[in-house]
C-alpha atoms as a PDB file:
ATOM      1  CA  UNK A   1       0.000   0.000   0.000  1.00  0.00           C
ATOM      2  CA  UNK A   2       1.378   3.403  -0.977  1.00  0.00           C
ATOM      3  CA  UNK A   3       2.079   5.712   1.993  1.00  0.00           C
ATOM      4  CA  UNK A   4      -0.557   8.472   2.147  1.00  0.00           C
ATOM      5  CA  UNK A   5       2.068  11.228   1.966  1.00  0.00           C
ATOM      6  CA  UNK A   6       3.800   9.681  -1.053  1.00  0.00           C
ATOM      7  CA  UNK A   7       0.433   9.251  -2.794  1.00  0.00           C
ATOM      8  CA  UNK A   8      -0.314  12.913  -2.077  1.00  0.00           C
ATOM      9  CA  UNK A   9       2.985  13.972  -3.653  1.00  0.00           C
ATOM     10  CA  UNK A  10       2.327  11.794  -6.720  1.00  0.00           C
ATOM     11  CA  UNK A  11      -1.152  13.265  -7.238  1.00  0.00           C
ATOM     12  CA  UNK A  12       0.109  16.865  -6.960  1.00  0.00           C
ATOM     13  CA  UNK A  13       2.901  16.084  -9.436  1.00  0.00           C
ATOM     14  CA  UNK A  14       0.220  14.653 -11.741  1.00  0.00           C
ATOM     15  CA  UNK A  15      -1.749  17.887 -11.342  1.00  0.00           C
ATOM     16  CA  UNK A  16       1.385  19.848 -12.249  1.00  0.00           C
ATOM     17  CA  UNK A  17       1.643  17.894 -15.504  1.00  0.00           C
ATOM     18  CA  UNK A  18      -1.915  18.985 -16.294  1.00  0.00           C
ATOM     19  CA  UNK A  19      -1.026  22.629 -15.456  1.00  0.00           C
ATOM     20  CA  UNK A  20       1.904  22.369 -17.891  1.00  0.00           C
ATOM     21  CA  UNK A  21      -0.352  21.066 -20.667  1.00  0.00           C
ATOM     22  CA  UNK A  22      -3.190  23.555 -20.035  1.00  0.00           C
ATOM     23  CA  UNK A  23      -1.507  26.721 -21.458  1.00  0.00           C
ATOM     24  CA  UNK A  24      -0.696  24.916 -24.712  1.00  0.00           C
ATOM     25  CA  UNK A  25      -4.365  24.159 -25.452  1.00  0.00           C
ATOM     26  CA  UNK A  26      -5.490  27.495 -23.993  1.00  0.00           C
ATOM     27  CA  UNK A  27      -3.267  29.413 -26.439  1.00  0.00           C
ATOM     28  CA  UNK A  28      -4.541  27.265 -29.311  1.00  0.00           C
ATOM     29  CA  UNK A  29      -8.122  28.050 -28.285  1.00  0.00           C
ATOM     30  CA  UNK A  30      -7.423  31.811 -28.464  1.00  0.00           C
ATOM     31  CA  UNK A  31      -6.950  31.576 -32.247  1.00  0.00           C
ATOM     32  CA  UNK A  32     -10.652  32.240 -32.833  1.00  0.00           C
ATOM     33  CA  UNK A  33     -11.865  33.041 -29.323  1.00  0.00           C
ATOM     34  CA  UNK A  34     -10.892  35.101 -26.255  1.00  0.00           C
ATOM     35  CA  UNK A  35      -9.943  34.272 -22.674  1.00  0.00           C
ATOM     36  CA  UNK A  36     -13.426  35.089 -21.321  1.00  0.00           C
ATOM     37  CA  UNK A  37     -15.230  32.615 -23.608  1.00  0.00           C
ATOM     38  CA  UNK A  38     -12.517  29.994 -23.153  1.00  0.00           C
ATOM     39  CA  UNK A  39     -12.750  30.425 -19.361  1.00  0.00           C
ATOM     40  CA  UNK A  40     -16.505  29.915 -19.529  1.00  0.00           C
ATOM     41  CA  UNK A  41     -16.354  26.794 -21.711  1.00  0.00           C
ATOM     42  CA  UNK A  42     -13.450  25.501 -19.615  1.00  0.00           C
ATOM     43  CA  UNK A  43     -15.451  25.889 -16.388  1.00  0.00           C
ATOM     44  CA  UNK A  44     -18.399  23.964 -17.854  1.00  0.00           C
ATOM     45  CA  UNK A  45     -16.278  21.039 -19.042  1.00  0.00           C
ATOM     46  CA  UNK A  46     -14.350  20.936 -15.764  1.00  0.00           C
ATOM     47  CA  UNK A  47     -17.754  20.609 -14.083  1.00  0.00           C
ATOM     48  CA  UNK A  48     -18.744  17.796 -16.472  1.00  0.00           C
ATOM     49  CA  UNK A  49     -15.424  15.978 -15.924  1.00  0.00           C
ATOM     50  CA  UNK A  50     -15.824  16.218 -12.146  1.00  0.00           C
ATOM     51  CA  UNK A  51     -19.469  15.077 -12.398  1.00  0.00           C
ATOM     52  CA  UNK A  52     -18.397  11.891 -14.206  1.00  0.00           C
ATOM     53  CA  UNK A  53     -15.655  11.272 -11.606  1.00  0.00           C
ATOM     54  CA  UNK A  54     -18.066  11.692  -8.677  1.00  0.00           C
ATOM     55  CA  UNK A  55     -20.787   9.599 -10.355  1.00  0.00           C
ATOM     56  CA  UNK A  56     -18.391   6.665 -10.662  1.00  0.00           C
ATOM     57  CA  UNK A  57     -16.973   7.111  -7.147  1.00  0.00           C
ATOM     58  CA  UNK A  58     -20.408   7.157  -5.484  1.00  0.00           C
ATOM     59  CA  UNK A  59     -23.483   9.367  -5.830  1.00  0.00           C
ATOM     60  CA  UNK A  60     -23.489  10.058  -2.072  1.00  0.00           C
ATOM     61  CA  UNK A  61     -20.386  12.185  -2.661  1.00  0.00           C
ATOM     62  CA  UNK A  62     -22.623  14.853  -4.221  1.00  0.00           C
ATOM     63  CA  UNK A  63     -24.043  15.593  -0.765  1.00  0.00           C
ATOM     64  CA  UNK A  64     -22.711  18.770   0.859  1.00  0.00           C
ATOM     65  CA  UNK A  65     -23.167  19.792   4.482  1.00  0.00           C
ATOM     66  CA  UNK A  66     -24.169  23.286   5.583  1.00  0.00           C
ATOM     67  CA  UNK A  67     -20.705  23.809   7.062  1.00  0.00           C
ATOM     68  CA  UNK A  68     -18.986  22.921   3.768  1.00  0.00           C
ATOM     69  CA  UNK A  69     -21.204  25.042   1.512  1.00  0.00           C
ATOM     70  CA  UNK A  70     -19.771  28.504   2.434  1.00  0.00           C
ATOM     71  CA  UNK A  71     -16.226  27.207   1.897  1.00  0.00           C
ATOM     72  CA  UNK A  72     -17.152  25.881  -1.555  1.00  0.00           C
ATOM     73  CA  UNK A  73     -18.688  29.245  -2.462  1.00  0.00           C
ATOM     74  CA  UNK A  74     -15.536  31.037  -1.314  1.00  0.00           C
ATOM     75  CA  UNK A  75     -13.225  28.706  -3.272  1.00  0.00           C
ATOM     76  CA  UNK A  76     -15.330  29.214  -6.415  1.00  0.00           C
ATOM     77  CA  UNK A  77     -15.454  33.006  -6.132  1.00  0.00           C
ATOM     78  CA  UNK A  78     -11.919  33.688  -4.873  1.00  0.00           C
ATOM     79  CA  UNK A  79     -10.112  30.948  -6.797  1.00  0.00           C
ATOM     80  CA  UNK A  80     -11.934  30.560 -10.107  1.00  0.00           C
ATOM     81  CA  UNK A  81     -13.861  33.769 -10.763  1.00  0.00           C
ATOM     82  CA  UNK A  82     -11.875  36.565  -9.074  1.00  0.00           C
ATOM     83  CA  UNK A  83      -8.286  35.260  -9.257  1.00  0.00           C
ATOM     84  CA  UNK A  84      -8.743  33.659 -12.667  1.00  0.00           C
ATOM     85  CA  UNK A  85     -10.219  36.789 -14.207  1.00  0.00           C
ATOM     86  CA  UNK A  86      -7.590  39.262 -12.990  1.00  0.00           C
ATOM     87  CA  UNK A  87      -4.738  36.809 -13.680  1.00  0.00           C
ATOM     88  CA  UNK A  88      -5.678  36.176 -17.305  1.00  0.00           C
ATOM     89  CA  UNK A  89      -6.391  39.864 -17.861  1.00  0.00           C
ATOM     90  CA  UNK A  90      -2.951  40.749 -16.478  1.00  0.00           C
ATOM     91  CA  UNK A  91      -1.387  38.165 -18.807  1.00  0.00           C
ATOM     92  CA  UNK A  92      -2.518  40.264 -21.767  1.00  0.00           C
ATOM     93  CA  UNK A  93      -0.519  43.223 -20.398  1.00  0.00           C
ATOM     94  CA  UNK A  94       2.702  41.809 -18.892  1.00  0.00           C
ATOM     95  CA  UNK A  95       5.318  39.199 -19.897  1.00  0.00           C
ATOM     96  CA  UNK A  96       4.356  35.614 -19.046  1.00  0.00           C
ATOM     97  CA  UNK A  97       7.608  35.165 -17.111  1.00  0.00           C
ATOM     98  CA  UNK A  98       6.571  37.963 -14.715  1.00  0.00           C
ATOM     99  CA  UNK A  99       3.251  36.274 -14.014  1.00  0.00           C
ATOM    100  CA  UNK A 100       4.864  32.868 -13.519  1.00  0.00           C
ATOM    101  CA  UNK A 101       7.537  34.161 -11.142  1.00  0.00           C
ATOM    102  CA  UNK A 102       5.024  36.109  -9.056  1.00  0.00           C
ATOM    103  CA  UNK A 103       2.904  32.957  -8.952  1.00  0.00           C
ATOM    104  CA  UNK A 104       5.907  31.126  -7.504  1.00  0.00           C
ATOM    105  CA  UNK A 105       5.456  33.214  -4.351  1.00  0.00           C
ATOM    106  CA  UNK A 106       2.271  31.327  -3.443  1.00  0.00           C
ATOM    107  CA  UNK A 107       3.997  28.934  -0.964  1.00  0.00           C
ATOM    108  CA  UNK A 108       5.308  31.952   0.944  1.00  0.00           C
ATOM    109  CA  UNK A 109       1.791  33.352   1.385  1.00  0.00           C
ATOM    110  CA  UNK A 110       0.446  29.942   2.384  1.00  0.00           C
ATOM    111  CA  UNK A 111       3.142  29.679   5.064  1.00  0.00           C
ATOM    112  CA  UNK A 112       2.388  33.196   6.353  1.00  0.00           C
ATOM    113  CA  UNK A 113      -1.413  32.846   6.342  1.00  0.00           C
ATOM    114  CA  UNK A 114      -1.270  29.209   7.421  1.00  0.00           C
ATOM    115  CA  UNK A 115       0.769  30.157  10.498  1.00  0.00           C
ATOM    116  CA  UNK A 116      -2.438  31.685  11.880  1.00  0.00           C
ATOM    117  CA  UNK A 117      -5.137  29.683  10.067  1.00  0.00           C
ATOM    118  CA  UNK A 118      -3.619  26.182   9.851  1.00  0.00           C
ATOM    119  CA  UNK A 119      -2.227  25.429  13.290  1.00  0.00           C
ATOM    120  CA  UNK A 120      -2.411  21.682  12.555  1.00  0.00           C
ATOM    121  CA  UNK A 121      -0.102  21.981   9.519  1.00  0.00           C
ATOM    122  CA  UNK A 122       3.163  22.328  11.416  1.00  0.00           C
ATOM    123  CA  UNK A 123       6.103  22.640   9.016  1.00  0.00           C
ATOM    124  CA  UNK A 124       9.404  20.882   9.680  1.00  0.00           C
ATOM    125  CA  UNK A 125      12.907  21.992   8.740  1.00  0.00           C
ATOM    126  CA  UNK A 126      12.708  19.501   5.871  1.00  0.00           C
ATOM    127  CA  UNK A 127       9.552  21.263   4.635  1.00  0.00           C
ATOM    128  CA  UNK A 128      11.206  24.694   4.701  1.00  0.00           C
ATOM    129  CA  UNK A 129      14.279  23.323   2.906  1.00  0.00           C
ATOM    130  CA  UNK A 130      12.146  21.601   0.266  1.00  0.00           C
ATOM    131  CA  UNK A 131       9.915  24.635  -0.304  1.00  0.00           C
ATOM    132  CA  UNK A 132      12.935  26.952  -0.659  1.00  0.00           C
ATOM    133  CA  UNK A 133      14.566  24.614  -3.187  1.00  0.00           C
ATOM    134  CA  UNK A 134      11.318  24.280  -5.167  1.00  0.00           C
ATOM    135  CA  UNK A 135      10.910  28.076  -5.378  1.00  0.00           C
ATOM    136  CA  UNK A 136      14.519  28.489  -6.552  1.00  0.00           C
ATOM    137  CA  UNK A 137      14.053  25.619  -9.008  1.00  0.00           C
ATOM    138  CA  UNK A 138      10.957  27.281 -10.482  1.00  0.00           C
ATOM    139  CA  UNK A 139      12.818  30.580 -10.935  1.00  0.00           C
ATOM    140  CA  UNK A 140      15.761  28.903 -12.703  1.00  0.00           C
ATOM    141  CA  UNK A 141      13.605  26.771 -15.008  1.00  0.00           C
ATOM    142  CA  UNK A 142      11.308  29.693 -15.878  1.00  0.00           C
ATOM    143  CA  UNK A 143      13.939  32.374 -16.576  1.00  0.00           C
ATOM    144  CA  UNK A 144      16.168  29.915 -18.524  1.00  0.00           C
ATOM    145  CA  UNK A 145      19.192  32.257 -18.725  1.00  0.00           C
ATOM    146  CA  UNK A 146      20.908  34.735 -16.414  1.00  0.00           C
ATOM    147  CA  UNK A 147      20.386  37.449 -19.049  1.00  0.00           C
ATOM    148  CA  UNK A 148      16.623  36.938 -18.863  1.00  0.00           C
ATOM    149  CA  UNK A 149      16.730  37.117 -15.073  1.00  0.00           C
ATOM    150  CA  UNK A 150      18.653  40.414 -15.148  1.00  0.00           C
ATOM    151  CA  UNK A 151      16.124  41.946 -17.563  1.00  0.00           C
ATOM    152  CA  UNK A 152      13.157  41.252 -15.285  1.00  0.00           C
ATOM    153  CA  UNK A 153      11.230  44.324 -14.158  1.00  0.00           C
ATOM    154  CA  UNK A 154       8.379  44.394 -11.669  1.00  0.00           C
ATOM    155  CA  UNK A 155       6.189  47.146 -10.260  1.00  0.00           C
ATOM    156  CA  UNK A 156       3.369  47.673 -12.766  1.00  0.00           C
ATOM    157  CA  UNK A 157      -0.302  47.639 -11.781  1.00  0.00           C
ATOM    158  CA  UNK A 158      -0.726  44.364 -13.694  1.00  0.00           C
ATOM    159  CA  UNK A 159       2.084  42.797 -11.619  1.00  0.00           C
ATOM    160  CA  UNK A 160       0.084  43.808  -8.546  1.00  0.00           C
ATOM    161  CA  UNK A 161      -2.986  42.143 -10.055  1.00  0.00           C
ATOM    162  CA  UNK A 162      -1.079  38.864 -10.462  1.00  0.00           C
ATOM    163  CA  UNK A 163       0.171  39.177  -6.883  1.00  0.00           C
ATOM    164  CA  UNK A 164      -3.423  39.678  -5.720  1.00  0.00           C
ATOM    165  CA  UNK A 165      -4.500  36.579  -7.669  1.00  0.00           C
ATOM    166  CA  UNK A 166      -1.629  34.613  -6.124  1.00  0.00           C
ATOM    167  CA  UNK A 167      -2.671  35.599  -2.598  1.00  0.00           C
ATOM    168  CA  UNK A 168      -6.284  34.740  -3.431  1.00  0.00           C
ATOM    169  CA  UNK A 169      -5.270  31.260  -4.639  1.00  0.00           C
ATOM    170  CA  UNK A 170      -3.224  30.802  -1.462  1.00  0.00           C
ATOM    171  CA  UNK A 171      -6.292  31.513   0.683  1.00  0.00           C
ATOM    172  CA  UNK A 172      -8.396  28.992  -1.258  1.00  0.00           C
ATOM    173  CA  UNK A 173      -5.776  26.287  -0.650  1.00  0.00           C
ATOM    174  CA  UNK A 174      -5.916  27.008   3.081  1.00  0.00           C
ATOM    175  CA  UNK A 175      -9.729  27.032   3.142  1.00  0.00           C
ATOM    176  CA  UNK A 176      -9.895  23.715   1.249  1.00  0.00           C
ATOM    177  CA  UNK A 177      -7.257  22.133   3.487  1.00  0.00           C
ATOM    178  CA  UNK A 178      -8.966  23.318   6.686  1.00  0.00           C
ATOM    179  CA  UNK A 179     -12.665  22.898   5.900  1.00  0.00           C
ATOM    180  CA  UNK A 180     -13.008  20.580   2.879  1.00  0.00           C
ATOM    181  CA  UNK A 181     -10.445  17.872   3.585  1.00  0.00           C
ATOM    182  CA  UNK A 182     -13.129  15.235   4.221  1.00  0.00           C
ATOM    183  CA  UNK A 183     -14.933  15.939   0.941  1.00  0.00           C
ATOM    184  CA  UNK A 184     -14.428  13.870  -2.172  1.00  0.00           C
ATOM    185  CA  UNK A 185     -11.869  15.598  -4.450  1.00  0.00           C
ATOM    186  CA  UNK A 186     -14.236  15.327  -7.400  1.00  0.00           C
ATOM    187  CA  UNK A 187     -17.060  16.888  -5.383  1.00  0.00           C
ATOM    188  CA  UNK A 188     -14.950  19.926  -4.472  1.00  0.00           C
ATOM    189  CA  UNK A 189     -14.002  20.316  -8.130  1.00  0.00           C
ATOM    190  CA  UNK A 190     -17.608  19.850  -9.273  1.00  0.00           C
ATOM    191  CA  UNK A 191     -19.132  22.482  -6.995  1.00  0.00           C
ATOM    192  CA  UNK A 192     -16.235  24.930  -7.364  1.00  0.00           C
ATOM    193  CA  UNK A 193     -16.609  25.032 -11.141  1.00  0.00           C
ATOM    194  CA  UNK A 194     -20.401  24.629 -11.133  1.00  0.00           C
ATOM    195  CA  UNK A 195     -20.749  27.924  -9.265  1.00  0.00           C
ATOM    196  CA  UNK A 196     -18.138  29.478 -11.564  1.00  0.00           C
ATOM    197  CA  UNK A 197     -19.975  28.143 -14.642  1.00  0.00           C
ATOM    198  CA  UNK A 198     -23.222  29.796 -13.536  1.00  0.00           C
ATOM    199  CA  UNK A 199     -21.389  33.120 -13.264  1.00  0.00           C
ATOM    200  CA  UNK A 200     -19.666  32.743 -16.646  1.00  0.00           C
ATOM    201  CA  UNK A 201     -22.886  31.723 -18.427  1.00  0.00           C
ATOM    202  CA  UNK A 202     -24.717  34.748 -17.016  1.00  0.00           C
ATOM    203  CA  UNK A 203     -21.817  37.128 -17.762  1.00  0.00           C
ATOM    204  CA  UNK A 204     -21.177  35.915 -21.316  1.00  0.00           C
ATOM    205  CA  UNK A 205     -24.868  35.736 -22.259  1.00  0.00           C
ATOM    206  CA  UNK A 206     -25.363  39.348 -21.167  1.00  0.00           C
ATOM    207  CA  UNK A 207     -22.323  40.626 -23.089  1.00  0.00           C
ATOM    208  CA  UNK A 208     -22.206  38.342 -26.161  1.00  0.00           C
ATOM    209  CA  UNK A 209     -23.131  34.805 -27.251  1.00  0.00           C
ATOM    210  CA  UNK A 210     -22.004  31.682 -25.431  1.00  0.00           C
ATOM    211  CA  UNK A 211     -20.682  29.175 -27.955  1.00  0.00           C
ATOM    212  CA  UNK A 212     -17.939  26.596 -28.384  1.00  0.00           C
ATOM    213  CA  UNK A 213     -15.545  28.086 -30.928  1.00  0.00           C
ATOM    214  CA  UNK A 214     -13.105  25.178 -31.133  1.00  0.00           C
ATOM    215  CA  UNK A 215     -12.305  21.739 -29.703  1.00  0.00           C
ATOM    216  CA  UNK A 216      -9.346  23.095 -27.736  1.00  0.00           C
ATOM    217  CA  UNK A 217     -11.742  24.826 -25.324  1.00  0.00           C
ATOM    218  CA  UNK A 218     -13.218  21.420 -24.486  1.00  0.00           C
ATOM    219  CA  UNK A 219      -9.785  19.824 -24.082  1.00  0.00           C
ATOM    220  CA  UNK A 220      -8.704  22.627 -21.727  1.00  0.00           C
ATOM    221  CA  UNK A 221     -11.750  21.921 -19.555  1.00  0.00           C
ATOM    222  CA  UNK A 222     -11.029  18.190 -19.385  1.00  0.00           C
ATOM    223  CA  UNK A 223      -7.335  18.778 -18.632  1.00  0.00           C
ATOM    224  CA  UNK A 224      -8.109  21.298 -15.870  1.00  0.00           C
ATOM    225  CA  UNK A 225     -10.804  18.996 -14.477  1.00  0.00           C
ATOM    226  CA  UNK A 226      -8.381  16.086 -14.168  1.00  0.00           C
ATOM    227  CA  UNK A 227      -5.666  18.362 -12.773  1.00  0.00           C
ATOM    228  CA  UNK A 228      -7.962  19.902 -10.157  1.00  0.00           C
ATOM    229  CA  UNK A 229      -9.133  16.485  -8.960  1.00  0.00           C
ATOM    230  CA  UNK A 230      -5.496  15.392  -8.612  1.00  0.00           C
ATOM    231  CA  UNK A 231      -4.766  18.663  -6.764  1.00  0.00           C
ATOM    232  CA  UNK A 232      -7.489  18.140  -4.160  1.00  0.00           C
ATOM    233  CA  UNK A 233      -6.562  14.474  -3.726  1.00  0.00           C
ATOM    234  CA  UNK A 234      -3.088  15.708  -2.792  1.00  0.00           C
ATOM    235  CA  UNK A 235      -4.372  18.517  -0.565  1.00  0.00           C
ATOM    236  CA  UNK A 236      -6.288  15.945   1.499  1.00  0.00           C
ATOM    237  CA  UNK A 237      -3.073  14.059   2.254  1.00  0.00           C
ATOM    238  CA  UNK A 238      -0.248  16.596   2.576  1.00  0.00           C
ATOM    239  CA  UNK A 239       0.158  20.135   3.925  1.00  0.00           C
ATOM    240  CA  UNK A 240      -1.075  23.121   1.932  1.00  0.00           C
ATOM    241  CA  UNK A 241       2.429  24.637   1.771  1.00  0.00           C
ATOM    242  CA  UNK A 242       3.831  21.319   0.501  1.00  0.00           C
ATOM    243  CA  UNK A 243       1.155  21.124  -2.201  1.00  0.00           C
ATOM    244  CA  UNK A 244       1.877  24.669  -3.361  1.00  0.00           C
ATOM    245  CA  UNK A 245       5.629  24.004  -3.426  1.00  0.00           C
ATOM    246  CA  UNK A 246       5.253  20.785  -5.433  1.00  0.00           C
ATOM    247  CA  UNK A 247       3.078  22.659  -7.939  1.00  0.00           C
ATOM    248  CA  UNK A 248       6.217  24.653  -8.759  1.00  0.00           C
ATOM    249  CA  UNK A 249       7.289  21.587 -10.749  1.00  0.00           C
ATOM    250  CA  UNK A 250       4.941  22.820 -13.497  1.00  0.00           C
ATOM    251  CA  UNK A 251       7.716  24.805 -15.305  1.00  0.00           C
ATOM    252  CA  UNK A 252       9.820  21.624 -15.236  1.00  0.00           C
ATOM    253  CA  UNK A 253       7.132  19.594 -16.984  1.00  0.00           C
ATOM    254  CA  UNK A 254       6.539  22.470 -19.416  1.00  0.00           C
ATOM    255  CA  UNK A 255      10.250  22.556 -20.317  1.00  0.00           C
ATOM    256  CA  UNK A 256      10.313  18.772 -20.762  1.00  0.00           C
ATOM    257  CA  UNK A 257       7.271  18.970 -23.060  1.00  0.00           C
ATOM    258  CA  UNK A 258       9.004  21.744 -24.988  1.00  0.00           C
ATOM    259  CA  UNK A 259      12.100  19.576 -25.317  1.00  0.00           C
ATOM    260  CA  UNK A 260      10.216  16.454 -26.459  1.00  0.00           C
ATOM    261  CA  UNK A 261       7.548  18.058 -28.686  1.00  0.00           C
ATOM    262  CA  UNK A 262       9.044  21.361 -29.844  1.00  0.00           C
ATOM    263  CA  UNK A 263      12.702  20.218 -29.626  1.00  0.00           C
ATOM    264  CA  UNK A 264      13.569  23.231 -27.451  1.00  0.00           C
ATOM    265  CA  UNK A 265      17.022  22.832 -25.915  1.00  0.00           C
ATOM    266  CA  UNK A 266      17.369  22.914 -22.126  1.00  0.00           C
ATOM    267  CA  UNK A 267      19.724  25.609 -20.808  1.00  0.00           C
ATOM    268  CA  UNK A 268      22.272  25.112 -18.023  1.00  0.00           C
ATOM    269  CA  UNK A 269      20.056  27.130 -15.659  1.00  0.00           C
ATOM    270  CA  UNK A 270      17.092  24.892 -16.432  1.00  0.00           C
ATOM    271  CA  UNK A 271      19.143  21.741 -15.849  1.00  0.00           C
ATOM    272  CA  UNK A 272      20.315  23.173 -12.510  1.00  0.00           C
ATOM    273  CA  UNK A 273      16.694  23.988 -11.683  1.00  0.00           C
ATOM    274  CA  UNK A 274      15.624  20.431 -12.515  1.00  0.00           C
ATOM    275  CA  UNK A 275      18.268  19.022 -10.159  1.00  0.00           C
ATOM    276  CA  UNK A 276      17.050  21.365  -7.410  1.00  0.00           C
ATOM    277  CA  UNK A 277      13.496  20.217  -8.128  1.00  0.00           C
ATOM    278  CA  UNK A 278      14.303  16.591  -7.368  1.00  0.00           C
ATOM    279  CA  UNK A 279      16.236  17.613  -4.256  1.00  0.00           C
ATOM    280  CA  UNK A 280      13.279  19.704  -3.097  1.00  0.00           C
ATOM    281  CA  UNK A 281      10.834  16.826  -3.618  1.00  0.00           C
ATOM    282  CA  UNK A 282      13.192  14.558  -1.654  1.00  0.00           C
ATOM    283  CA  UNK A 283      13.062  16.895   1.351  1.00  0.00           C
ATOM    284  CA  UNK A 284       9.298  17.368   1.085  1.00  0.00           C
ATOM    285  CA  UNK A 285       8.769  13.596   1.002  1.00  0.00           C
ATOM    286  CA  UNK A 286      10.629  13.039   4.280  1.00  0.00           C
ATOM    287  CA  UNK A 287       8.434  11.491   6.960  1.00  0.00           C
ATOM    288  CA  UNK A 288       7.047  13.775   9.675  1.00  0.00           C
ATOM    289  CA  UNK A 289       9.563  12.562  12.239  1.00  0.00           C
ATOM    290  CA  UNK A 290      11.512  15.783  12.692  1.00  0.00           C
ATOM    291  CA  UNK A 291      10.110  18.171  15.303  1.00  0.00           C
ATOM    292  CA  UNK A 292       7.900  20.757  13.639  1.00  0.00           C
ATOM    293  CA  UNK A 293       8.754  24.428  13.943  1.00  0.00           C
END
């Protein structure tokens, strides 16, 4: 039987693979659509994917208690509607690398907020070492070259928007870890994107016409649905800060896909980042035997 913590790490890594694939299909879907319509179609097909998962895992998993309902509403609004909207809008104004690097700060906010809100998630020295290495790994893999790193500039209003989205996502991870841990991962995904779908349908229908412009919009929804289910399966088993840190492996999987599919060469900085990634995962996978701090 696979240790619960190891299974949690594997599921979050699987989610990270989905996050690496998502932008590829999202960009393809923008050829004859925009991010608002794609977000709406994506939300609906995430909901459908989660519905199928829950239906096969047991219909009783659709039941939600009164205590869980407010948390689901918050996760949907803060994580999918608010953060998603301002993040994708900011992406149209700033370099992708800026958005990705600011997003890498999410574990820091989870640690800071979790210190007060997640007393049960005590972090060990191994956790801090692993999280630090994962953040550094993400920076190296994303920037690719020292020249790119030196050219980075932050401070625009859109950078602040991405930072706000990052903090918002951090709070949803804490809320899900604290209040929704006993829920089926598919159920959390289903209700989170069901509420978001209702918003998108209403918003799009009042501003334009809701329609599927291409198959990539459907694929994005399925990919995100699978990834989100993996994410919540991991969040049930390991600490929120650990989940967020492991998600920083997404640039690694993206670079590997670029190497295999697009034949993009890996730079020395990316190779160094990949080595740090594995070291970080090693520390994060250590058993909870060391005294927490």
